Amino acid sequence: MNLLRILSFISVTAAAAALGRDIFLSFSAGRLASTSLGALWFSLHPPSLNLFQAVVERYIAPVIWDPYIVAVLKSPAWLDMIVLAVILLAPVWLFRRRTRS
C-alpha cells in the first residue's frame, strides 16, 4: 500500500508541474494554453510513445487504441495525472483499516 501512495504522490507532483507549465504558457501566449498528455509524452521521449502504440495495437487490442487511448492522450496532462493518482489511491482508501471508536 505504501508503493501506491508513493506512486500517487509522484502522479500529483507531475500534475502540479504540468498545470504550472500550462499556466506559464497561458500567461506567455496571452491565451489559454493546455498541453495534452500525448504532446508532453512526445516532447519527452517520442520512441516510447511509438512503442506503446505498437504494443497496444499488436498485443492487447487494436480497437482500443483509437477511440480510448487517443482520447486520453489528447486530454490535458495535468487532468490525466490527477485521475491516475485517484485510481492509485482508491485501493488504499477502500481497504484501509478502520479503528473502532
C-alpha atoms as a PDB file:
ATOM      1  CA  MET A   1       0.000   0.000   0.000  1.00  0.00           C
ATOM      2  CA  ASN A   2       2.917   2.331   0.599  1.00  0.00           C
ATOM      3  CA  LEU A   3       4.015   1.855  -3.012  1.00  0.00           C
ATOM      4  CA  LEU A   4       0.601   3.035  -4.199  1.00  0.00           C
ATOM      5  CA  ARG A   5       0.874   6.111  -2.004  1.00  0.00           C
ATOM      6  CA  ILE A   6       4.329   6.909  -3.372  1.00  0.00           C
ATOM      7  CA  LEU A   7       3.182   6.463  -6.971  1.00  0.00           C
ATOM      8  CA  SER A   8       0.121   8.622  -6.372  1.00  0.00           C
ATOM      9  CA  PHE A   9       2.306  11.318  -4.787  1.00  0.00           C
ATOM     10  CA  ILE A  10       4.548  11.241  -7.864  1.00  0.00           C
ATOM     11  CA  SER A  11       1.459  11.497 -10.051  1.00  0.00           C
ATOM     12  CA  VAL A  12       0.126  14.500  -8.125  1.00  0.00           C
ATOM     13  CA  THR A  13       3.558  16.140  -8.324  1.00  0.00           C
ATOM     14  CA  ALA A  14       3.623  15.567 -12.092  1.00  0.00           C
ATOM     15  CA  ALA A  15       0.103  17.011 -12.331  1.00  0.00           C
ATOM     16  CA  ALA A  16       1.200  20.126 -10.441  1.00  0.00           C
ATOM     17  CA  ALA A  17       4.205  20.518 -12.737  1.00  0.00           C
ATOM     18  CA  ALA A  18       2.055  20.099 -15.857  1.00  0.00           C
ATOM     19  CA  LEU A  19      -0.530  22.563 -14.548  1.00  0.00           C
ATOM     20  CA  GLY A  20       2.214  25.046 -13.691  1.00  0.00           C
ATOM     21  CA  ARG A  21       3.615  24.671 -17.205  1.00  0.00           C
ATOM     22  CA  ASP A  22       0.171  25.264 -18.707  1.00  0.00           C
ATOM     23  CA  ILE A  23      -0.365  28.362 -16.561  1.00  0.00           C
ATOM     24  CA  PHE A  24       3.047  29.725 -17.551  1.00  0.00           C
ATOM     25  CA  LEU A  25       2.361  29.050 -21.242  1.00  0.00           C
ATOM     26  CA  SER A  26      -1.071  30.656 -20.938  1.00  0.00           C
ATOM     27  CA  PHE A  27       0.379  33.854 -19.481  1.00  0.00           C
ATOM     28  CA  SER A  28       3.165  33.901 -22.056  1.00  0.00           C
ATOM     29  CA  ALA A  29       0.818  33.376 -25.002  1.00  0.00           C
ATOM     30  CA  GLY A  30      -1.890  35.671 -23.679  1.00  0.00           C
ATOM     31  CA  ARG A  31      -4.497  32.957 -24.205  1.00  0.00           C
ATOM     32  CA  LEU A  32      -5.488  29.673 -22.619  1.00  0.00           C
ATOM     33  CA  ALA A  33      -2.881  27.035 -23.426  1.00  0.00           C
ATOM     34  CA  SER A  34      -3.189  23.428 -22.396  1.00  0.00           C
ATOM     35  CA  THR A  35      -0.642  20.710 -23.089  1.00  0.00           C
ATOM     36  CA  SER A  36      -2.053  17.296 -23.902  1.00  0.00           C
ATOM     37  CA  LEU A  37      -0.561  14.165 -22.421  1.00  0.00           C
ATOM     38  CA  GLY A  38       0.390  12.920 -25.885  1.00  0.00           C
ATOM     39  CA  ALA A  39       2.210  16.146 -26.763  1.00  0.00           C
ATOM     40  CA  LEU A  40       4.029  16.135 -23.436  1.00  0.00           C
ATOM     41  CA  TRP A  41       4.990  12.468 -23.807  1.00  0.00           C
ATOM     42  CA  PHE A  42       6.147  13.062 -27.403  1.00  0.00           C
ATOM     43  CA  SER A  43       8.291  16.020 -26.342  1.00  0.00           C
ATOM     44  CA  LEU A  44       9.929  13.957 -23.582  1.00  0.00           C
ATOM     45  CA  HIS A  45      10.548  10.647 -25.403  1.00  0.00           C
ATOM     46  CA  PRO A  46       8.982  10.008 -28.848  1.00  0.00           C
ATOM     47  CA  PRO A  47      10.250   6.417 -29.296  1.00  0.00           C
ATOM     48  CA  SER A  48       8.481   5.203 -26.146  1.00  0.00           C
ATOM     49  CA  LEU A  49       5.171   6.666 -27.325  1.00  0.00           C
ATOM     50  CA  ASN A  50       5.537   4.851 -30.652  1.00  0.00           C
ATOM     51  CA  LEU A  51       6.487   1.645 -28.833  1.00  0.00           C
ATOM     52  CA  PHE A  52       3.457   1.986 -26.556  1.00  0.00           C
ATOM     53  CA  GLN A  53       1.174   2.299 -29.593  1.00  0.00           C
ATOM     54  CA  ALA A  54       2.747  -0.742 -31.248  1.00  0.00           C
ATOM     55  CA  VAL A  55       2.428  -2.854 -28.098  1.00  0.00           C
ATOM     56  CA  VAL A  56      -1.208  -1.881 -27.549  1.00  0.00           C
ATOM     57  CA  GLU A  57      -2.201  -2.491 -31.154  1.00  0.00           C
ATOM     58  CA  ARG A  58      -0.267  -5.732 -31.574  1.00  0.00           C
ATOM     59  CA  TYR A  59      -0.538  -7.487 -28.212  1.00  0.00           C
ATOM     60  CA  ILE A  60      -3.582  -6.071 -26.435  1.00  0.00           C
ATOM     61  CA  ALA A  61      -6.273  -4.983 -28.900  1.00  0.00           C
ATOM     62  CA  PRO A  62      -6.046  -2.601 -31.858  1.00  0.00           C
ATOM     63  CA  VAL A  63      -9.607  -1.435 -31.333  1.00  0.00           C
ATOM     64  CA  ILE A  64      -8.832   0.262 -28.009  1.00  0.00           C
ATOM     65  CA  TRP A  65      -6.051   2.484 -29.393  1.00  0.00           C
ATOM     66  CA  ASP A  66      -8.066   4.897 -31.496  1.00  0.00           C
ATOM     67  CA  PRO A  67     -11.195   5.713 -29.527  1.00  0.00           C
ATOM     68  CA  TYR A  68      -9.936   5.267 -25.973  1.00  0.00           C
ATOM     69  CA  ILE A  69      -6.189   5.743 -25.608  1.00  0.00           C
ATOM     70  CA  VAL A  70      -6.096   8.542 -28.179  1.00  0.00           C
ATOM     71  CA  ALA A  71      -8.777  10.345 -26.175  1.00  0.00           C
ATOM     72  CA  VAL A  72      -6.630  10.073 -23.041  1.00  0.00           C
ATOM     73  CA  LEU A  73      -3.561  11.277 -24.943  1.00  0.00           C
ATOM     74  CA  LYS A  74      -5.485  14.313 -26.248  1.00  0.00           C
ATOM     75  CA  SER A  75      -6.756  15.377 -22.814  1.00  0.00           C
ATOM     76  CA  PRO A  76      -4.758  17.772 -20.597  1.00  0.00           C
ATOM     77  CA  ALA A  77      -1.746  16.152 -18.984  1.00  0.00           C
ATOM     78  CA  TRP A  78      -2.494  17.532 -15.515  1.00  0.00           C
ATOM     79  CA  LEU A  79      -6.017  16.069 -15.603  1.00  0.00           C
ATOM     80  CA  ASP A  80      -4.732  12.639 -16.598  1.00  0.00           C
ATOM     81  CA  MET A  81      -2.215  12.697 -13.758  1.00  0.00           C
ATOM     82  CA  ILE A  82      -4.901  13.593 -11.212  1.00  0.00           C
ATOM     83  CA  VAL A  83      -7.104  10.754 -12.474  1.00  0.00           C
ATOM     84  CA  LEU A  84      -4.152   8.369 -12.219  1.00  0.00           C
ATOM     85  CA  ALA A  85      -3.499   9.489  -8.632  1.00  0.00           C
ATOM     86  CA  VAL A  86      -7.135   8.865  -7.687  1.00  0.00           C
ATOM     87  CA  ILE A  87      -7.044   5.418  -9.310  1.00  0.00           C
ATOM     88  CA  LEU A  88      -3.843   4.562  -7.445  1.00  0.00           C
ATOM     89  CA  LEU A  89      -5.222   5.766  -4.121  1.00  0.00           C
ATOM     90  CA  ALA A  90      -8.601   4.035  -4.467  1.00  0.00           C
ATOM     91  CA  PRO A  91      -7.389   0.678  -3.055  1.00  0.00           C
ATOM     92  CA  VAL A  92      -5.656   2.474  -0.193  1.00  0.00           C
ATOM     93  CA  TRP A  93      -8.890   4.262   0.726  1.00  0.00           C
ATOM     94  CA  LEU A  94     -11.158   1.263   0.183  1.00  0.00           C
ATOM     95  CA  PHE A  95      -9.094  -1.281   2.098  1.00  0.00           C
ATOM     96  CA  ARG A  96      -7.758   0.828   4.953  1.00  0.00           C
ATOM     97  CA  ARG A  97      -8.066  -0.495   8.466  1.00  0.00           C
ATOM     98  CA  ARG A  98     -10.791   1.167  10.388  1.00  0.00           C
ATOM     99  CA  THR A  99     -10.390   1.644  14.089  1.00  0.00           C
ATOM    100  CA  ARG A 100     -13.270   1.357  16.486  1.00  0.00           C
ATOM    101  CA  SER A 101     -14.089   4.494  18.397  1.00  0.00           C
END
